[in-house]
Amino acid sequence: MKLLEVERKFNWNPASLNILMSNGGQPRFSSTPTIQSKMFRDIYYDLDNRLSSKGLWVRKRLLYTPHKHVDITKTGMWEAKQSMPGSSFERSTYDETQDPSRIWQMIKNYIPKCAGPNESFGLEETCRFETHRRSFLADGKFIVVLDETDFGHSAGEVELLAEDANKAHADIDVFIARYAWLFDCSKPKGKLTAYFEKYPRNNV
């Protein structure tokens, strides 16, 4: 069986970062989190919402150094994630890939005559933004992701790579309940939702 990315979204407040870095929450994590930090630019693509309406998200992502200009359309890496049956916004299971040939096949499921990767699959840019991502491994297996975007939105995810999505979701639920001081799961808002609320599509 293939590994799936199983995740649960949550809200987080950057003001809690100092508590997290000192492992000062109650209860504490099993060890002080070693927080990794990176920055990246994303461009999302679609065509008349024909992909996103089916739970397929296609983007180009580029890790970058601040203040250094790089053309992401030429150097970024293609990525795609297809939501799996039973997924919801808050509790999601995705089939993800960075293989352009496989991305092409995923897009063809909804746009049969789409172009190839050298022509951006015939898709149109829908949005672009930058993200500062902090992440750490908690309790030996849970990946906790804390994102801040350049348009002022913060969002978080707890992720597991697993073959059994139902068991992974149950494990994540127990983990989040134990460390509820960090995870606010009341009406989380994803980055794309927040982006289009601030910049409606007809302005893209």
Protein backbone atom coordinates (compact mmCIF):
# COMPACT_ATOMS: atom_id res chain seq x y z
CA MET A 1 0.00 0.00 0.00
CA LYS A 2 1.14 3.55 -0.70
CA LEU A 3 1.92 6.01 2.06
CA LEU A 4 -0.66 8.77 2.41
CA GLU A 5 -0.29 12.13 4.10
CA VAL A 6 -2.82 12.28 6.92
CA GLU A 7 -3.30 15.66 8.56
CA ARG A 8 -5.45 17.69 10.89
CA LYS A 9 -5.53 21.46 10.67
CA PHE A 10 -5.53 23.83 13.64
CA ASN A 11 -5.15 27.50 14.49
CA TRP A 12 -2.03 28.70 16.22
CA ASN A 13 -0.92 31.99 17.66
CA PRO A 14 2.70 33.04 16.95
CA ALA A 15 2.72 34.47 20.49
CA SER A 16 2.86 30.87 21.77
CA LEU A 17 6.22 30.26 20.05
CA ASN A 18 8.33 31.13 23.11
CA ILE A 19 6.39 28.65 25.24
CA LEU A 20 6.83 26.00 22.57
CA MET A 21 10.58 26.56 22.14
CA SER A 22 11.16 26.22 25.89
CA ASN A 23 8.80 23.22 26.09
CA GLY A 24 6.92 25.16 28.73
CA GLY A 25 3.39 23.99 27.99
CA GLN A 26 1.47 21.63 30.25
CA PRO A 27 1.81 18.78 29.73
CA ARG A 28 5.26 19.02 28.18
CA PHE A 29 6.26 17.22 25.02
CA SER A 30 8.40 14.13 25.65
CA SER A 31 11.45 16.22 24.65
CA THR A 32 12.09 19.88 23.88
CA PRO A 33 11.09 20.44 20.23
CA THR A 34 13.90 21.00 17.75
CA ILE A 35 12.27 23.52 15.45
CA GLN A 36 13.28 23.59 11.79
CA SER A 37 12.66 26.79 9.85
CA LYS A 38 12.39 27.44 6.12
CA MET A 39 10.80 29.90 3.73
CA PHE A 40 9.19 29.16 0.40
CA ARG A 41 7.16 30.71 -2.40
CA ASP A 42 4.11 28.94 -3.82
CA ILE A 43 2.20 29.50 -7.03
CA TYR A 44 -1.11 27.64 -7.29
CA TYR A 45 -2.62 26.66 -10.63
CA ASP A 46 -6.10 25.69 -11.81
CA LEU A 47 -8.45 26.13 -14.75
CA ASP A 48 -11.94 27.45 -13.97
CA ASN A 49 -11.78 25.62 -10.60
CA ARG A 50 -11.92 22.28 -12.42
CA LEU A 51 -9.14 20.86 -10.24
CA SER A 52 -9.80 22.41 -6.83
CA SER A 53 -13.50 21.53 -7.07
CA LYS A 54 -12.38 17.88 -7.26
CA GLY A 55 -9.92 18.16 -4.38
CA LEU A 56 -6.79 18.33 -6.55
CA TRP A 57 -4.31 21.09 -5.72
CA VAL A 58 -1.42 21.82 -8.08
CA ARG A 59 1.38 24.23 -7.28
CA LYS A 60 4.98 25.17 -7.89
CA ARG A 61 7.09 25.55 -4.75
CA LEU A 62 10.49 27.14 -4.35
CA LEU A 63 12.59 27.27 -1.19
CA TYR A 64 14.26 30.64 -1.09
CA THR A 65 16.51 33.07 0.70
CA PRO A 66 14.78 36.36 1.62
CA HIS A 67 15.63 39.38 -0.54
CA LYS A 68 17.04 37.17 -3.32
CA HIS A 69 15.03 37.39 -6.54
CA VAL A 70 14.42 34.05 -8.27
CA ASP A 71 11.84 33.34 -10.97
CA ILE A 72 9.74 30.57 -9.41
CA THR A 73 7.95 29.87 -12.69
CA LYS A 74 11.27 28.62 -14.10
CA THR A 75 12.94 27.08 -11.04
CA GLY A 76 10.15 25.92 -8.73
CA MET A 77 9.25 22.24 -8.22
CA TRP A 78 5.84 20.96 -9.29
CA GLU A 79 3.73 19.39 -6.54
CA ALA A 80 0.21 17.98 -6.48
CA LYS A 81 -2.05 16.64 -3.75
CA GLN A 82 -5.31 14.80 -4.33
CA SER A 83 -7.75 14.53 -1.43
CA MET A 84 -8.93 10.99 -0.76
CA PRO A 85 -12.49 9.77 -0.10
CA GLY A 86 -13.68 10.63 3.40
CA SER A 87 -11.51 13.74 3.68
CA SER A 88 -12.85 16.97 5.11
CA PHE A 89 -11.24 20.39 5.32
CA GLU A 90 -10.13 19.94 8.94
CA ARG A 91 -9.27 16.21 8.78
CA SER A 92 -7.64 15.39 5.46
CA THR A 93 -5.95 12.49 3.72
CA TYR A 94 -3.92 13.23 0.59
CA ASP A 95 -2.13 11.36 -2.14
CA GLU A 96 0.86 13.63 -2.83
CA THR A 97 3.52 13.62 -5.51
CA GLN A 98 6.34 15.71 -6.98
CA ASP A 99 6.64 13.59 -10.11
CA PRO A 100 5.64 15.77 -13.12
CA SER A 101 4.54 12.72 -15.13
CA ARG A 102 2.24 11.56 -12.35
CA ILE A 103 0.94 15.11 -11.81
CA TRP A 104 0.11 15.20 -15.53
CA GLN A 105 -1.92 12.00 -15.18
CA MET A 106 -3.76 13.34 -12.13
CA ILE A 107 -4.71 16.51 -14.02
CA LYS A 108 -5.86 14.44 -17.02
CA ASN A 109 -8.49 12.83 -14.78
CA TYR A 110 -10.33 16.17 -14.89
CA ILE A 111 -8.87 17.93 -17.95
CA PRO A 112 -8.20 15.13 -20.46
CA LYS A 113 -6.52 17.29 -23.10
CA CYS A 114 -4.27 19.29 -20.78
CA ALA A 115 -0.79 20.33 -21.89
CA GLY A 116 2.45 18.96 -20.43
CA PRO A 117 4.55 20.27 -17.53
CA ASN A 118 6.71 22.47 -19.76
CA GLU A 119 3.55 24.43 -20.57
CA SER A 120 2.30 24.53 -16.98
CA PHE A 121 -0.16 21.76 -17.91
CA GLY A 122 -2.23 24.41 -19.69
CA LEU A 123 -3.33 25.77 -16.32
CA GLU A 124 -3.65 29.34 -15.12
CA GLU A 125 -2.07 30.91 -12.08
CA THR A 126 -4.66 31.52 -9.36
CA CYS A 127 -2.50 32.88 -6.55
CA ARG A 128 1.03 33.22 -5.21
CA PHE A 129 2.36 33.93 -1.74
CA GLU A 130 5.30 33.34 0.59
CA THR A 131 5.32 31.22 3.74
CA HIS A 132 7.62 31.05 6.74
CA ARG A 133 7.33 27.48 8.00
CA ARG A 134 8.44 26.16 11.36
CA SER A 135 8.14 22.45 11.96
CA PHE A 136 9.21 19.86 14.50
CA LEU A 137 8.88 16.17 15.29
CA ALA A 138 6.86 15.54 18.45
CA ASP A 139 6.72 12.38 20.54
CA GLY A 140 8.79 10.51 18.01
CA LYS A 141 6.35 10.46 15.09
CA PHE A 142 4.03 13.47 14.75
CA ILE A 143 5.11 16.26 12.40
CA VAL A 144 3.82 19.61 13.64
CA VAL A 145 3.79 22.40 11.05
CA LEU A 146 3.40 26.09 11.93
CA ASP A 147 3.01 28.45 8.98
CA GLU A 148 2.96 32.25 8.72
CA THR A 149 2.23 33.83 5.34
CA ASP A 150 3.33 37.15 3.90
CA PHE A 151 -0.32 38.30 3.85
CA GLY A 152 -0.73 37.96 7.62
CA HIS A 153 -2.33 34.54 8.11
CA SER A 154 -1.14 31.79 10.48
CA ALA A 155 -2.14 28.15 10.11
CA GLY A 156 -0.99 24.83 11.51
CA GLU A 157 -1.16 21.11 10.76
CA VAL A 158 -0.32 17.87 12.52
CA GLU A 159 0.79 15.30 9.97
CA LEU A 160 1.50 11.58 9.78
CA LEU A 161 2.61 9.46 6.84
CA ALA A 162 0.62 6.25 7.04
CA GLU A 163 -1.00 3.45 5.07
CA ASP A 164 -4.01 3.24 7.42
CA ALA A 165 -5.62 6.70 7.33
CA ASN A 166 -8.31 5.90 9.92
CA LYS A 167 -5.78 4.78 12.52
CA ALA A 168 -3.53 7.77 11.76
CA HIS A 169 -6.45 10.19 12.27
CA ALA A 170 -7.28 8.51 15.59
CA ASP A 171 -3.64 8.80 16.72
CA ILE A 172 -3.56 12.48 15.73
CA ASP A 173 -6.79 13.15 17.66
CA VAL A 174 -5.29 11.66 20.84
CA PHE A 175 -2.07 13.64 20.36
CA ILE A 176 -3.92 16.94 19.85
CA ALA A 177 -6.17 16.35 22.85
CA ARG A 178 -3.12 15.70 25.06
CA TYR A 179 -1.37 18.92 24.05
CA ALA A 180 -4.47 21.10 23.73
CA TRP A 181 -2.53 24.13 25.04
CA LEU A 182 -0.91 24.44 21.58
CA PHE A 183 -3.68 23.24 19.27
CA ASP A 184 -6.79 25.35 18.76
CA CYS A 185 -9.03 23.28 16.48
CA SER A 186 -12.03 25.60 16.54
CA LYS A 187 -12.78 26.60 12.93
CA PRO A 188 -9.28 26.46 11.46
CA LYS A 189 -8.78 28.40 8.25
CA GLY A 190 -6.40 27.25 5.54
CA LYS A 191 -3.96 29.49 3.72
CA LEU A 192 -5.80 29.45 0.41
CA THR A 193 -9.14 30.23 2.04
CA ALA A 194 -7.58 33.17 3.89
CA TYR A 195 -5.84 34.36 0.72
CA PHE A 196 -9.00 34.46 -1.38
CA GLU A 197 -10.93 36.16 1.41
CA LYS A 198 -8.33 38.92 1.34
CA TYR A 199 -7.76 38.90 -2.43
CA PRO A 200 -10.92 37.75 -4.27
CA ARG A 201 -10.29 35.65 -7.37
CA ASN A 202 -11.37 38.36 -9.80
CA ASN A 203 -8.39 40.40 -8.56
CA VAL A 204 -5.82 37.63 -9.18
